[in-house]
């Protein structure tokens, strides 16, 4: 009986010590809305980004975040867009994402339409686009930057967003890839 109890305690200890496997941590510098879900996905909201908006050339609009990678590895990068038409996201040019030593340039296509996001209200829909992956070679603080005409400051409450622009970036989703 003692062996069974000791084995059970070791098993529980092993499970709890592995719960933090490789998750990057969003920089806790007072930004509201930093979101790390239980499955190790980081969501960097546009409302929490440092923004540069260039009215004369919106293709140079920039959003930037800082976050800490606890464990090096390869991470999937998804771009979450708010759109009124999930079939045609209407980005004028490629979206450029830089993170660590990696640079991704791609036009988002809406690989996954998320219909159960309670924060997104009609006429808006959420379309997530797989942009690629990046490799963080060591633990530490990193900057992530998104450059696109879709980087537009907006309210977190989608019912208050103007319909002037067809598509805008809602967030950047970073997820540790498992082998």
N, C-alpha and C. Protein backbone atom coordinates (compact mmCIF):
# COMPACT_ATOMS: atom_id res chain seq x y z
N UNK A 1 0.81 -1.19 0.00
CA UNK A 1 0.00 0.00 0.00
C UNK A 1 0.87 1.27 0.00
N UNK A 2 1.96 1.25 0.81
CA UNK A 2 2.86 2.40 0.85
C UNK A 2 3.46 2.66 -0.53
N UNK A 3 3.85 1.58 -1.21
CA UNK A 3 4.43 1.73 -2.54
C UNK A 3 3.44 2.37 -3.52
N UNK A 4 2.19 2.00 -3.41
CA UNK A 4 1.17 2.57 -4.28
C UNK A 4 1.01 4.07 -4.02
N UNK A 5 1.01 4.47 -2.76
CA UNK A 5 0.88 5.89 -2.42
C UNK A 5 2.11 6.66 -2.90
N UNK A 6 3.31 6.10 -2.69
CA UNK A 6 4.53 6.77 -3.14
C UNK A 6 4.54 6.88 -4.66
N UNK A 7 4.16 5.82 -5.35
CA UNK A 7 4.09 5.86 -6.81
C UNK A 7 3.10 6.92 -7.27
N UNK A 8 1.94 7.00 -6.63
CA UNK A 8 0.93 8.00 -6.98
C UNK A 8 1.44 9.42 -6.79
N UNK A 9 2.17 9.66 -5.71
CA UNK A 9 2.71 11.00 -5.44
C UNK A 9 3.77 11.36 -6.49
N UNK A 10 4.63 10.40 -6.84
CA UNK A 10 5.65 10.65 -7.86
C UNK A 10 4.99 10.94 -9.21
N UNK A 11 3.94 10.19 -9.53
CA UNK A 11 3.23 10.41 -10.78
C UNK A 11 2.62 11.81 -10.84
N UNK A 12 1.95 12.24 -9.76
CA UNK A 12 1.36 13.57 -9.71
C UNK A 12 2.42 14.66 -9.79
N UNK A 13 3.55 14.46 -9.12
CA UNK A 13 4.64 15.42 -9.17
C UNK A 13 5.18 15.55 -10.59
N UNK A 14 5.32 14.43 -11.27
CA UNK A 14 5.82 14.44 -12.65
C UNK A 14 4.84 15.17 -13.57
N UNK A 15 3.56 14.95 -13.39
CA UNK A 15 2.57 15.63 -14.22
C UNK A 15 2.59 17.14 -14.01
N UNK A 16 2.66 17.58 -12.77
CA UNK A 16 2.64 19.02 -12.51
C UNK A 16 3.94 19.69 -12.92
N UNK A 17 5.05 19.01 -12.89
CA UNK A 17 6.31 19.63 -13.30
C UNK A 17 6.42 19.73 -14.81
N UNK A 18 5.65 18.95 -15.54
CA UNK A 18 5.69 19.00 -17.01
C UNK A 18 4.62 19.94 -17.57
N UNK A 19 3.82 20.54 -16.72
CA UNK A 19 2.72 21.37 -17.20
C UNK A 19 3.19 22.61 -17.93
N UNK A 20 4.42 23.06 -17.75
CA UNK A 20 4.92 24.29 -18.34
C UNK A 20 5.84 24.02 -19.52
N UNK A 21 5.66 22.94 -20.21
CA UNK A 21 6.63 22.52 -21.22
C UNK A 21 6.69 23.45 -22.43
N UNK A 22 7.70 24.30 -22.44
CA UNK A 22 8.04 25.05 -23.62
C UNK A 22 7.17 26.25 -23.93
N UNK A 23 6.30 26.63 -23.10
CA UNK A 23 5.39 27.70 -23.42
C UNK A 23 6.12 29.03 -23.36
N UNK A 24 5.96 29.81 -24.40
CA UNK A 24 6.49 31.17 -24.37
C UNK A 24 5.57 31.98 -23.48
N UNK A 25 6.12 32.95 -22.79
CA UNK A 25 5.37 33.74 -21.83
C UNK A 25 5.26 35.16 -22.33
N UNK A 26 4.05 35.69 -22.37
CA UNK A 26 3.86 37.08 -22.81
C UNK A 26 4.43 37.99 -21.74
N UNK A 27 5.14 39.01 -22.17
CA UNK A 27 5.79 39.96 -21.27
C UNK A 27 4.74 40.63 -20.39
N UNK A 28 4.88 40.49 -19.10
CA UNK A 28 3.92 41.05 -18.16
C UNK A 28 4.35 42.46 -17.75
N UNK A 29 4.33 43.39 -18.66
CA UNK A 29 4.78 44.76 -18.36
C UNK A 29 3.61 45.71 -18.23
N UNK A 30 2.54 45.25 -17.65
CA UNK A 30 1.42 46.14 -17.40
C UNK A 30 0.41 46.22 -18.52
N UNK A 31 0.62 45.53 -19.62
CA UNK A 31 -0.35 45.53 -20.70
C UNK A 31 -1.54 44.69 -20.25
N UNK A 32 -2.73 45.18 -20.50
CA UNK A 32 -3.90 44.39 -20.15
C UNK A 32 -4.19 43.41 -21.28
N UNK A 33 -4.84 42.32 -20.94
CA UNK A 33 -5.26 41.39 -21.97
C UNK A 33 -4.24 40.34 -22.35
N UNK A 34 -3.09 40.28 -21.65
CA UNK A 34 -2.12 39.25 -22.01
C UNK A 34 -2.77 37.91 -21.76
N UNK A 35 -2.76 37.06 -22.78
CA UNK A 35 -3.53 35.84 -22.71
C UNK A 35 -2.68 34.63 -23.03
N UNK A 36 -2.51 33.77 -22.04
CA UNK A 36 -1.86 32.49 -22.25
C UNK A 36 -2.86 31.42 -21.85
N UNK A 37 -3.30 30.64 -22.80
CA UNK A 37 -4.28 29.61 -22.49
C UNK A 37 -3.59 28.39 -21.90
N UNK A 38 -4.37 27.50 -21.41
CA UNK A 38 -3.84 26.30 -20.76
C UNK A 38 -3.12 25.38 -21.74
N UNK A 39 -3.45 25.47 -23.02
CA UNK A 39 -2.81 24.58 -23.99
C UNK A 39 -1.52 25.17 -24.55
N UNK A 40 -0.99 26.22 -23.94
CA UNK A 40 0.31 26.75 -24.34
C UNK A 40 0.28 27.69 -25.52
N UNK A 41 -0.88 28.24 -25.83
CA UNK A 41 -1.01 29.16 -26.94
C UNK A 41 -0.96 30.59 -26.41
N UNK A 42 -0.14 31.42 -27.03
CA UNK A 42 -0.07 32.83 -26.66
C UNK A 42 -0.86 33.62 -27.68
N UNK A 43 -1.71 34.51 -27.21
CA UNK A 43 -2.45 35.39 -28.10
C UNK A 43 -2.01 36.82 -27.81
N UNK A 44 -1.36 37.44 -28.77
CA UNK A 44 -0.91 38.82 -28.64
C UNK A 44 -1.94 39.71 -29.34
N UNK A 45 -2.73 40.41 -28.57
CA UNK A 45 -3.81 41.22 -29.11
C UNK A 45 -3.31 42.53 -29.70
N UNK A 46 -3.92 42.94 -30.80
CA UNK A 46 -3.56 44.20 -31.43
C UNK A 46 -3.83 45.37 -30.48
N UNK A 47 -4.82 45.23 -29.62
CA UNK A 47 -5.14 46.30 -28.68
C UNK A 47 -4.05 46.48 -27.63
N UNK A 48 -3.16 45.48 -27.47
CA UNK A 48 -2.06 45.56 -26.51
C UNK A 48 -0.72 45.88 -27.18
N UNK A 49 -0.70 46.02 -28.49
CA UNK A 49 0.55 46.23 -29.22
C UNK A 49 0.96 47.70 -29.20
N UNK A 50 2.25 47.92 -29.39
CA UNK A 50 2.74 49.25 -29.69
C UNK A 50 2.52 49.44 -31.18
N UNK A 51 1.77 50.47 -31.55
CA UNK A 51 1.38 50.66 -32.95
C UNK A 51 2.05 51.88 -33.57
N UNK A 52 2.40 51.73 -34.84
CA UNK A 52 2.82 52.85 -35.68
C UNK A 52 1.89 52.82 -36.88
N UNK A 53 1.18 53.90 -37.11
CA UNK A 53 0.28 53.97 -38.24
C UNK A 53 0.73 55.08 -39.18
N UNK A 54 0.91 54.73 -40.45
CA UNK A 54 1.38 55.65 -41.47
C UNK A 54 0.21 55.94 -42.40
N UNK A 55 -0.43 57.07 -42.19
CA UNK A 55 -1.65 57.39 -42.95
C UNK A 55 -1.41 57.44 -44.45
N UNK A 56 -0.26 57.96 -44.87
CA UNK A 56 0.00 58.09 -46.31
C UNK A 56 0.37 56.76 -46.96
N UNK A 57 0.90 55.80 -46.19
CA UNK A 57 1.28 54.47 -46.70
C UNK A 57 0.86 53.40 -45.69
N UNK A 58 -0.41 53.02 -45.65
CA UNK A 58 -0.87 52.07 -44.63
C UNK A 58 -0.21 50.69 -44.71
N UNK A 59 0.43 50.36 -45.83
CA UNK A 59 1.12 49.07 -45.93
C UNK A 59 2.32 49.01 -44.98
N UNK A 60 2.71 50.17 -44.42
CA UNK A 60 3.82 50.22 -43.47
C UNK A 60 3.35 50.30 -42.01
N UNK A 61 2.04 50.17 -41.78
CA UNK A 61 1.53 50.16 -40.41
C UNK A 61 2.18 48.99 -39.66
N UNK A 62 2.56 49.23 -38.41
CA UNK A 62 3.33 48.25 -37.65
C UNK A 62 2.74 48.03 -36.26
N UNK A 63 2.70 46.77 -35.84
CA UNK A 63 2.35 46.39 -34.47
C UNK A 63 3.54 45.63 -33.89
N UNK A 64 3.87 45.91 -32.63
CA UNK A 64 5.02 45.24 -32.02
C UNK A 64 4.71 44.87 -30.57
N UNK A 65 5.16 43.67 -30.21
CA UNK A 65 5.01 43.16 -28.85
C UNK A 65 6.35 42.62 -28.37
N UNK A 66 6.52 42.55 -27.05
CA UNK A 66 7.65 41.86 -26.42
C UNK A 66 7.09 40.67 -25.65
N UNK A 67 7.81 39.57 -25.68
CA UNK A 67 7.42 38.43 -24.86
C UNK A 67 8.67 37.61 -24.54
N UNK A 68 8.53 36.71 -23.58
CA UNK A 68 9.65 35.91 -23.12
C UNK A 68 9.43 34.46 -23.53
N UNK A 69 10.45 33.88 -24.14
CA UNK A 69 10.44 32.46 -24.48
C UNK A 69 11.15 31.74 -23.34
N UNK A 70 10.45 30.86 -22.67
CA UNK A 70 11.05 30.10 -21.57
C UNK A 70 11.90 28.95 -22.09
N UNK A 71 11.46 28.32 -23.18
CA UNK A 71 12.15 27.16 -23.73
C UNK A 71 12.33 27.35 -25.23
N UNK A 72 13.54 27.18 -25.73
CA UNK A 72 13.76 27.32 -27.17
C UNK A 72 13.01 26.24 -27.95
N UNK A 73 12.76 26.55 -29.21
CA UNK A 73 12.08 25.57 -30.06
C UNK A 73 11.41 26.26 -31.22
N UNK A 74 10.67 25.47 -32.00
CA UNK A 74 9.96 25.98 -33.17
C UNK A 74 8.51 26.27 -32.76
N UNK A 75 8.03 27.42 -33.18
CA UNK A 75 6.70 27.89 -32.84
C UNK A 75 5.92 28.18 -34.12
N UNK A 76 4.66 27.72 -34.17
CA UNK A 76 3.74 28.05 -35.26
C UNK A 76 3.25 29.47 -35.06
N UNK A 77 3.12 30.21 -36.17
CA UNK A 77 2.62 31.58 -36.13
C UNK A 77 1.31 31.64 -36.92
N UNK A 78 0.26 32.09 -36.26
CA UNK A 78 -1.04 32.29 -36.88
C UNK A 78 -1.41 33.76 -36.76
N UNK A 79 -1.99 34.30 -37.81
CA UNK A 79 -2.48 35.67 -37.81
C UNK A 79 -4.00 35.61 -37.75
N UNK A 80 -4.57 36.23 -36.74
CA UNK A 80 -6.02 36.24 -36.58
C UNK A 80 -6.55 37.58 -37.09
N UNK A 81 -7.48 37.51 -38.04
CA UNK A 81 -8.04 38.72 -38.66
C UNK A 81 -9.52 38.84 -38.33
N UNK A 82 -9.97 40.08 -38.23
CA UNK A 82 -11.40 40.37 -38.20
C UNK A 82 -11.77 40.78 -39.61
N UNK A 83 -12.82 40.18 -40.14
CA UNK A 83 -13.20 40.45 -41.52
C UNK A 83 -14.72 40.40 -41.65
N UNK A 84 -15.21 41.01 -42.71
CA UNK A 84 -16.63 40.92 -43.01
C UNK A 84 -16.89 39.88 -44.10
N UNK A 85 -15.83 39.35 -44.71
CA UNK A 85 -15.96 38.35 -45.77
C UNK A 85 -14.85 37.32 -45.59
N UNK A 86 -15.17 36.14 -45.11
CA UNK A 86 -14.16 35.13 -44.81
C UNK A 86 -13.55 34.50 -46.06
N UNK A 87 -14.18 34.66 -47.22
CA UNK A 87 -13.63 34.10 -48.45
C UNK A 87 -12.56 34.99 -49.07
N UNK A 88 -12.65 36.29 -48.85
CA UNK A 88 -11.70 37.25 -49.43
C UNK A 88 -11.26 38.22 -48.35
N UNK A 89 -10.09 37.97 -47.76
CA UNK A 89 -9.63 38.82 -46.66
C UNK A 89 -9.19 40.20 -47.14
N UNK A 90 -8.86 40.33 -48.41
CA UNK A 90 -8.56 41.62 -49.03
C UNK A 90 -7.38 42.37 -48.41
N UNK A 91 -6.35 41.65 -48.05
CA UNK A 91 -5.10 42.32 -47.70
C UNK A 91 -4.50 42.82 -49.01
N UNK A 92 -4.07 44.06 -49.05
CA UNK A 92 -3.56 44.64 -50.29
C UNK A 92 -2.20 44.05 -50.67
N UNK A 93 -1.39 43.76 -49.66
CA UNK A 93 -0.05 43.22 -49.91
C UNK A 93 0.25 42.14 -48.88
N UNK A 94 1.40 41.48 -49.01
CA UNK A 94 1.84 40.49 -48.04
C UNK A 94 1.93 41.11 -46.65
N UNK A 95 1.67 40.30 -45.65
CA UNK A 95 1.89 40.68 -44.27
C UNK A 95 3.30 40.21 -43.92
N UNK A 96 4.09 41.07 -43.28
CA UNK A 96 5.45 40.73 -42.87
C UNK A 96 5.47 40.55 -41.37
N UNK A 97 5.97 39.40 -40.93
CA UNK A 97 6.11 39.11 -39.50
C UNK A 97 7.58 38.82 -39.23
N UNK A 98 8.17 39.53 -38.28
CA UNK A 98 9.54 39.24 -37.86
C UNK A 98 9.51 38.85 -36.39
N UNK A 99 10.22 37.78 -36.09
CA UNK A 99 10.32 37.28 -34.73
C UNK A 99 11.66 36.56 -34.60
N UNK A 100 12.44 36.96 -33.59
CA UNK A 100 13.77 36.35 -33.47
C UNK A 100 14.57 36.64 -34.72
N UNK A 101 15.18 35.61 -35.30
CA UNK A 101 15.95 35.75 -36.54
C UNK A 101 15.12 35.42 -37.78
N UNK A 102 13.81 35.23 -37.61
CA UNK A 102 12.96 34.79 -38.71
C UNK A 102 12.14 35.95 -39.27
N UNK A 103 11.86 35.83 -40.57
CA UNK A 103 11.00 36.80 -41.25
C UNK A 103 10.05 36.01 -42.14
N UNK A 104 8.78 36.26 -41.99
CA UNK A 104 7.75 35.60 -42.78
C UNK A 104 7.02 36.67 -43.58
N UNK A 105 6.85 36.43 -44.89
CA UNK A 105 6.06 37.33 -45.74
C UNK A 105 5.05 36.47 -46.49
N UNK A 106 3.78 36.76 -46.25
CA UNK A 106 2.74 35.94 -46.85
C UNK A 106 1.43 36.71 -46.83
N UNK A 107 0.58 36.44 -47.78
CA UNK A 107 -0.76 37.03 -47.80
C UNK A 107 -1.70 36.07 -47.05
N UNK A 108 -2.34 36.55 -45.99
CA UNK A 108 -3.25 35.69 -45.22
C UNK A 108 -4.43 35.22 -46.06
N UNK A 109 -4.83 33.95 -45.85
CA UNK A 109 -5.91 33.38 -46.66
C UNK A 109 -7.09 32.86 -45.84
N UNK A 110 -7.04 32.91 -44.54
CA UNK A 110 -8.15 32.41 -43.73
C UNK A 110 -8.22 30.90 -43.73
N UNK A 111 -7.19 30.25 -43.20
CA UNK A 111 -7.13 28.78 -43.15
C UNK A 111 -8.18 28.19 -42.21
N UNK A 112 -8.52 28.95 -41.17
CA UNK A 112 -9.47 28.45 -40.17
C UNK A 112 -10.43 29.58 -39.81
N UNK A 113 -11.71 29.34 -39.97
CA UNK A 113 -12.74 30.31 -39.60
C UNK A 113 -13.24 29.93 -38.21
N UNK A 114 -13.10 30.85 -37.28
CA UNK A 114 -13.49 30.61 -35.89
C UNK A 114 -14.88 31.18 -35.67
N UNK A 115 -15.83 30.32 -35.42
CA UNK A 115 -17.22 30.74 -35.30
C UNK A 115 -17.68 30.86 -33.85
N UNK A 116 -16.87 30.39 -32.90
CA UNK A 116 -17.32 30.39 -31.51
C UNK A 116 -16.57 31.39 -30.63
N UNK A 117 -16.03 32.45 -31.21
CA UNK A 117 -15.34 33.48 -30.42
C UNK A 117 -16.38 34.46 -29.91
N UNK A 118 -16.64 34.47 -28.60
CA UNK A 118 -17.70 35.33 -28.06
C UNK A 118 -17.38 36.82 -28.16
N UNK A 119 -16.13 37.17 -28.42
CA UNK A 119 -15.74 38.58 -28.51
C UNK A 119 -16.01 39.17 -29.90
N UNK A 120 -16.28 38.33 -30.87
CA UNK A 120 -16.48 38.80 -32.25
C UNK A 120 -17.98 38.78 -32.56
N UNK A 121 -18.49 39.96 -32.87
CA UNK A 121 -19.92 40.10 -33.13
C UNK A 121 -20.15 40.55 -34.57
N UNK A 122 -21.26 40.12 -35.15
CA UNK A 122 -21.60 40.45 -36.53
C UNK A 122 -21.66 41.96 -36.69
N UNK A 123 -21.23 42.48 -37.82
CA UNK A 123 -20.98 41.83 -39.09
C UNK A 123 -19.56 41.26 -39.23
N UNK A 124 -18.80 41.20 -38.14
CA UNK A 124 -17.42 40.74 -38.18
C UNK A 124 -17.33 39.24 -37.97
N UNK A 125 -16.31 38.64 -38.58
CA UNK A 125 -15.99 37.23 -38.39
C UNK A 125 -14.50 37.13 -38.11
N UNK A 126 -14.09 36.05 -37.50
CA UNK A 126 -12.66 35.83 -37.22
C UNK A 126 -12.12 34.77 -38.18
N UNK A 127 -11.05 35.14 -38.88
CA UNK A 127 -10.39 34.22 -39.80
C UNK A 127 -8.92 34.11 -39.40
N UNK A 128 -8.47 32.89 -39.04
CA UNK A 128 -7.08 32.66 -38.65
C UNK A 128 -6.31 32.09 -39.83
N UNK A 129 -5.15 32.67 -40.08
CA UNK A 129 -4.31 32.26 -41.21
C UNK A 129 -2.98 31.74 -40.70
N UNK A 130 -2.63 30.51 -41.11
CA UNK A 130 -1.31 29.97 -40.74
C UNK A 130 -0.26 30.68 -41.59
N UNK A 131 0.66 31.37 -40.93
CA UNK A 131 1.65 32.18 -41.64
C UNK A 131 2.98 31.46 -41.79
N UNK A 132 3.26 30.46 -40.95
CA UNK A 132 4.53 29.75 -41.01
C UNK A 132 5.00 29.43 -39.60
N UNK A 133 6.29 29.27 -39.45
CA UNK A 133 6.84 28.98 -38.13
C UNK A 133 8.16 29.73 -37.95
N UNK A 134 8.51 29.93 -36.70
CA UNK A 134 9.77 30.58 -36.35
C UNK A 134 10.48 29.72 -35.32
N UNK A 135 11.80 29.87 -35.28
CA UNK A 135 12.61 29.10 -34.34
C UNK A 135 13.29 30.07 -33.38
N UNK A 136 13.09 29.84 -32.09
CA UNK A 136 13.78 30.60 -31.06
C UNK A 136 14.88 29.71 -30.51
N UNK A 137 16.14 30.08 -30.75
CA UNK A 137 17.28 29.23 -30.43
C UNK A 137 17.61 29.18 -28.95
N UNK A 138 17.16 30.17 -28.21
CA UNK A 138 17.44 30.16 -26.77
C UNK A 138 16.34 30.88 -26.02
N UNK A 139 16.25 30.61 -24.74
CA UNK A 139 15.28 31.29 -23.90
C UNK A 139 15.65 32.76 -23.78
N UNK A 140 14.66 33.60 -23.59
CA UNK A 140 14.91 35.02 -23.43
C UNK A 140 13.79 35.87 -23.98
N UNK A 141 13.99 37.18 -23.92
CA UNK A 141 12.99 38.12 -24.39
C UNK A 141 13.15 38.35 -25.90
N UNK A 142 12.03 38.37 -26.59
CA UNK A 142 12.01 38.59 -28.04
C UNK A 142 10.99 39.65 -28.39
N UNK A 143 11.21 40.28 -29.52
CA UNK A 143 10.26 41.22 -30.11
C UNK A 143 9.59 40.51 -31.28
N UNK A 144 8.30 40.74 -31.43
CA UNK A 144 7.56 40.26 -32.59
C UNK A 144 6.94 41.49 -33.24
N UNK A 145 7.09 41.57 -34.55
CA UNK A 145 6.61 42.73 -35.28
C UNK A 145 5.76 42.27 -36.47
N UNK A 146 4.64 42.93 -36.68
CA UNK A 146 3.77 42.67 -37.83
C UNK A 146 3.64 43.97 -38.61
N UNK A 147 3.92 43.92 -39.92
CA UNK A 147 3.80 45.08 -40.78
C UNK A 147 2.75 44.76 -41.85
N UNK A 148 1.70 45.61 -41.92
CA UNK A 148 0.61 45.34 -42.86
C UNK A 148 -0.37 46.51 -42.88
N UNK A 149 -1.09 46.62 -44.00
CA UNK A 149 -2.18 47.59 -44.06
C UNK A 149 -3.32 47.16 -43.15
N UNK A 150 -3.33 45.92 -42.67
CA UNK A 150 -4.35 45.43 -41.75
C UNK A 150 -4.10 45.79 -40.30
N UNK A 151 -2.95 46.41 -40.01
CA UNK A 151 -2.66 46.86 -38.65
C UNK A 151 -3.37 48.20 -38.46
N UNK A 152 -4.52 48.12 -37.83
CA UNK A 152 -5.35 49.30 -37.60
C UNK A 152 -5.81 49.26 -36.15
N UNK A 153 -5.62 50.34 -35.45
CA UNK A 153 -6.08 50.42 -34.07
C UNK A 153 -7.60 50.25 -34.04
N UNK A 154 -8.08 49.43 -33.12
CA UNK A 154 -9.53 49.26 -33.00
C UNK A 154 -9.90 48.88 -31.58
N UNK A 155 -11.18 48.94 -31.30
CA UNK A 155 -11.70 48.58 -29.99
C UNK A 155 -11.69 47.07 -29.84
N UNK A 156 -11.52 46.60 -28.60
CA UNK A 156 -11.61 45.15 -28.37
C UNK A 156 -13.06 44.68 -28.51
N UNK A 157 -14.02 45.56 -28.32
CA UNK A 157 -15.43 45.25 -28.52
C UNK A 157 -15.75 45.44 -30.01
N UNK A 158 -15.93 44.34 -30.73
CA UNK A 158 -16.10 44.42 -32.19
C UNK A 158 -17.38 45.14 -32.61
N UNK A 159 -18.35 45.25 -31.72
CA UNK A 159 -19.57 45.97 -32.09
C UNK A 159 -19.31 47.47 -32.21
N UNK A 160 -18.18 47.96 -31.70
CA UNK A 160 -17.84 49.38 -31.77
C UNK A 160 -16.87 49.69 -32.92
N UNK A 161 -16.51 48.68 -33.72
CA UNK A 161 -15.55 48.89 -34.82
C UNK A 161 -16.28 49.41 -36.05
N UNK A 162 -15.70 50.42 -36.65
CA UNK A 162 -16.25 51.00 -37.88
C UNK A 162 -16.13 49.99 -39.02
N UNK A 163 -17.09 50.01 -39.92
CA UNK A 163 -17.07 49.12 -41.08
C UNK A 163 -16.27 49.71 -42.24
N UNK A 164 -15.56 50.81 -42.03
CA UNK A 164 -14.82 51.46 -43.11
C UNK A 164 -13.80 50.53 -43.76
N UNK A 165 -13.08 49.80 -42.96
CA UNK A 165 -12.08 48.87 -43.50
C UNK A 165 -12.67 47.47 -43.49
N UNK A 166 -12.37 46.73 -44.52
CA UNK A 166 -12.95 45.40 -44.70
C UNK A 166 -12.33 44.37 -43.77
N UNK A 167 -11.01 44.41 -43.63
CA UNK A 167 -10.28 43.41 -42.83
C UNK A 167 -9.24 44.12 -42.00
N UNK A 168 -9.07 43.64 -40.78
CA UNK A 168 -8.04 44.19 -39.90
C UNK A 168 -7.47 43.07 -39.05
N UNK A 169 -6.25 43.26 -38.61
CA UNK A 169 -5.60 42.25 -37.78
C UNK A 169 -6.14 42.36 -36.36
N UNK A 170 -6.50 41.21 -35.80
CA UNK A 170 -7.02 41.14 -34.44
C UNK A 170 -5.93 40.71 -33.46
N UNK A 171 -5.11 39.72 -33.85
CA UNK A 171 -4.09 39.22 -32.93
C UNK A 171 -3.07 38.36 -33.68
N UNK A 172 -1.99 38.09 -32.99
CA UNK A 172 -0.98 37.15 -33.46
C UNK A 172 -0.98 35.99 -32.48
N UNK A 173 -1.06 34.78 -32.98
CA UNK A 173 -1.13 33.59 -32.14
C UNK A 173 0.16 32.80 -32.32
N UNK A 174 0.82 32.51 -31.21
CA UNK A 174 2.11 31.80 -31.23
C UNK A 174 1.93 30.53 -30.42
N UNK A 175 2.26 29.39 -31.05
CA UNK A 175 2.03 28.11 -30.40
C UNK A 175 3.24 27.21 -30.57
N UNK A 176 3.73 26.67 -29.47
CA UNK A 176 4.86 25.75 -29.52
C UNK A 176 4.47 24.51 -30.33
N UNK A 177 5.32 24.17 -31.30
CA UNK A 177 5.07 22.98 -32.11
C UNK A 177 5.54 21.76 -31.34
N UNK A 178 4.72 20.72 -31.32
CA UNK A 178 5.11 19.48 -30.66
C UNK A 178 5.50 18.46 -31.72
N UNK A 179 6.40 17.63 -31.36
CA UNK A 179 6.91 16.62 -32.30
C UNK A 179 6.13 15.34 -32.18
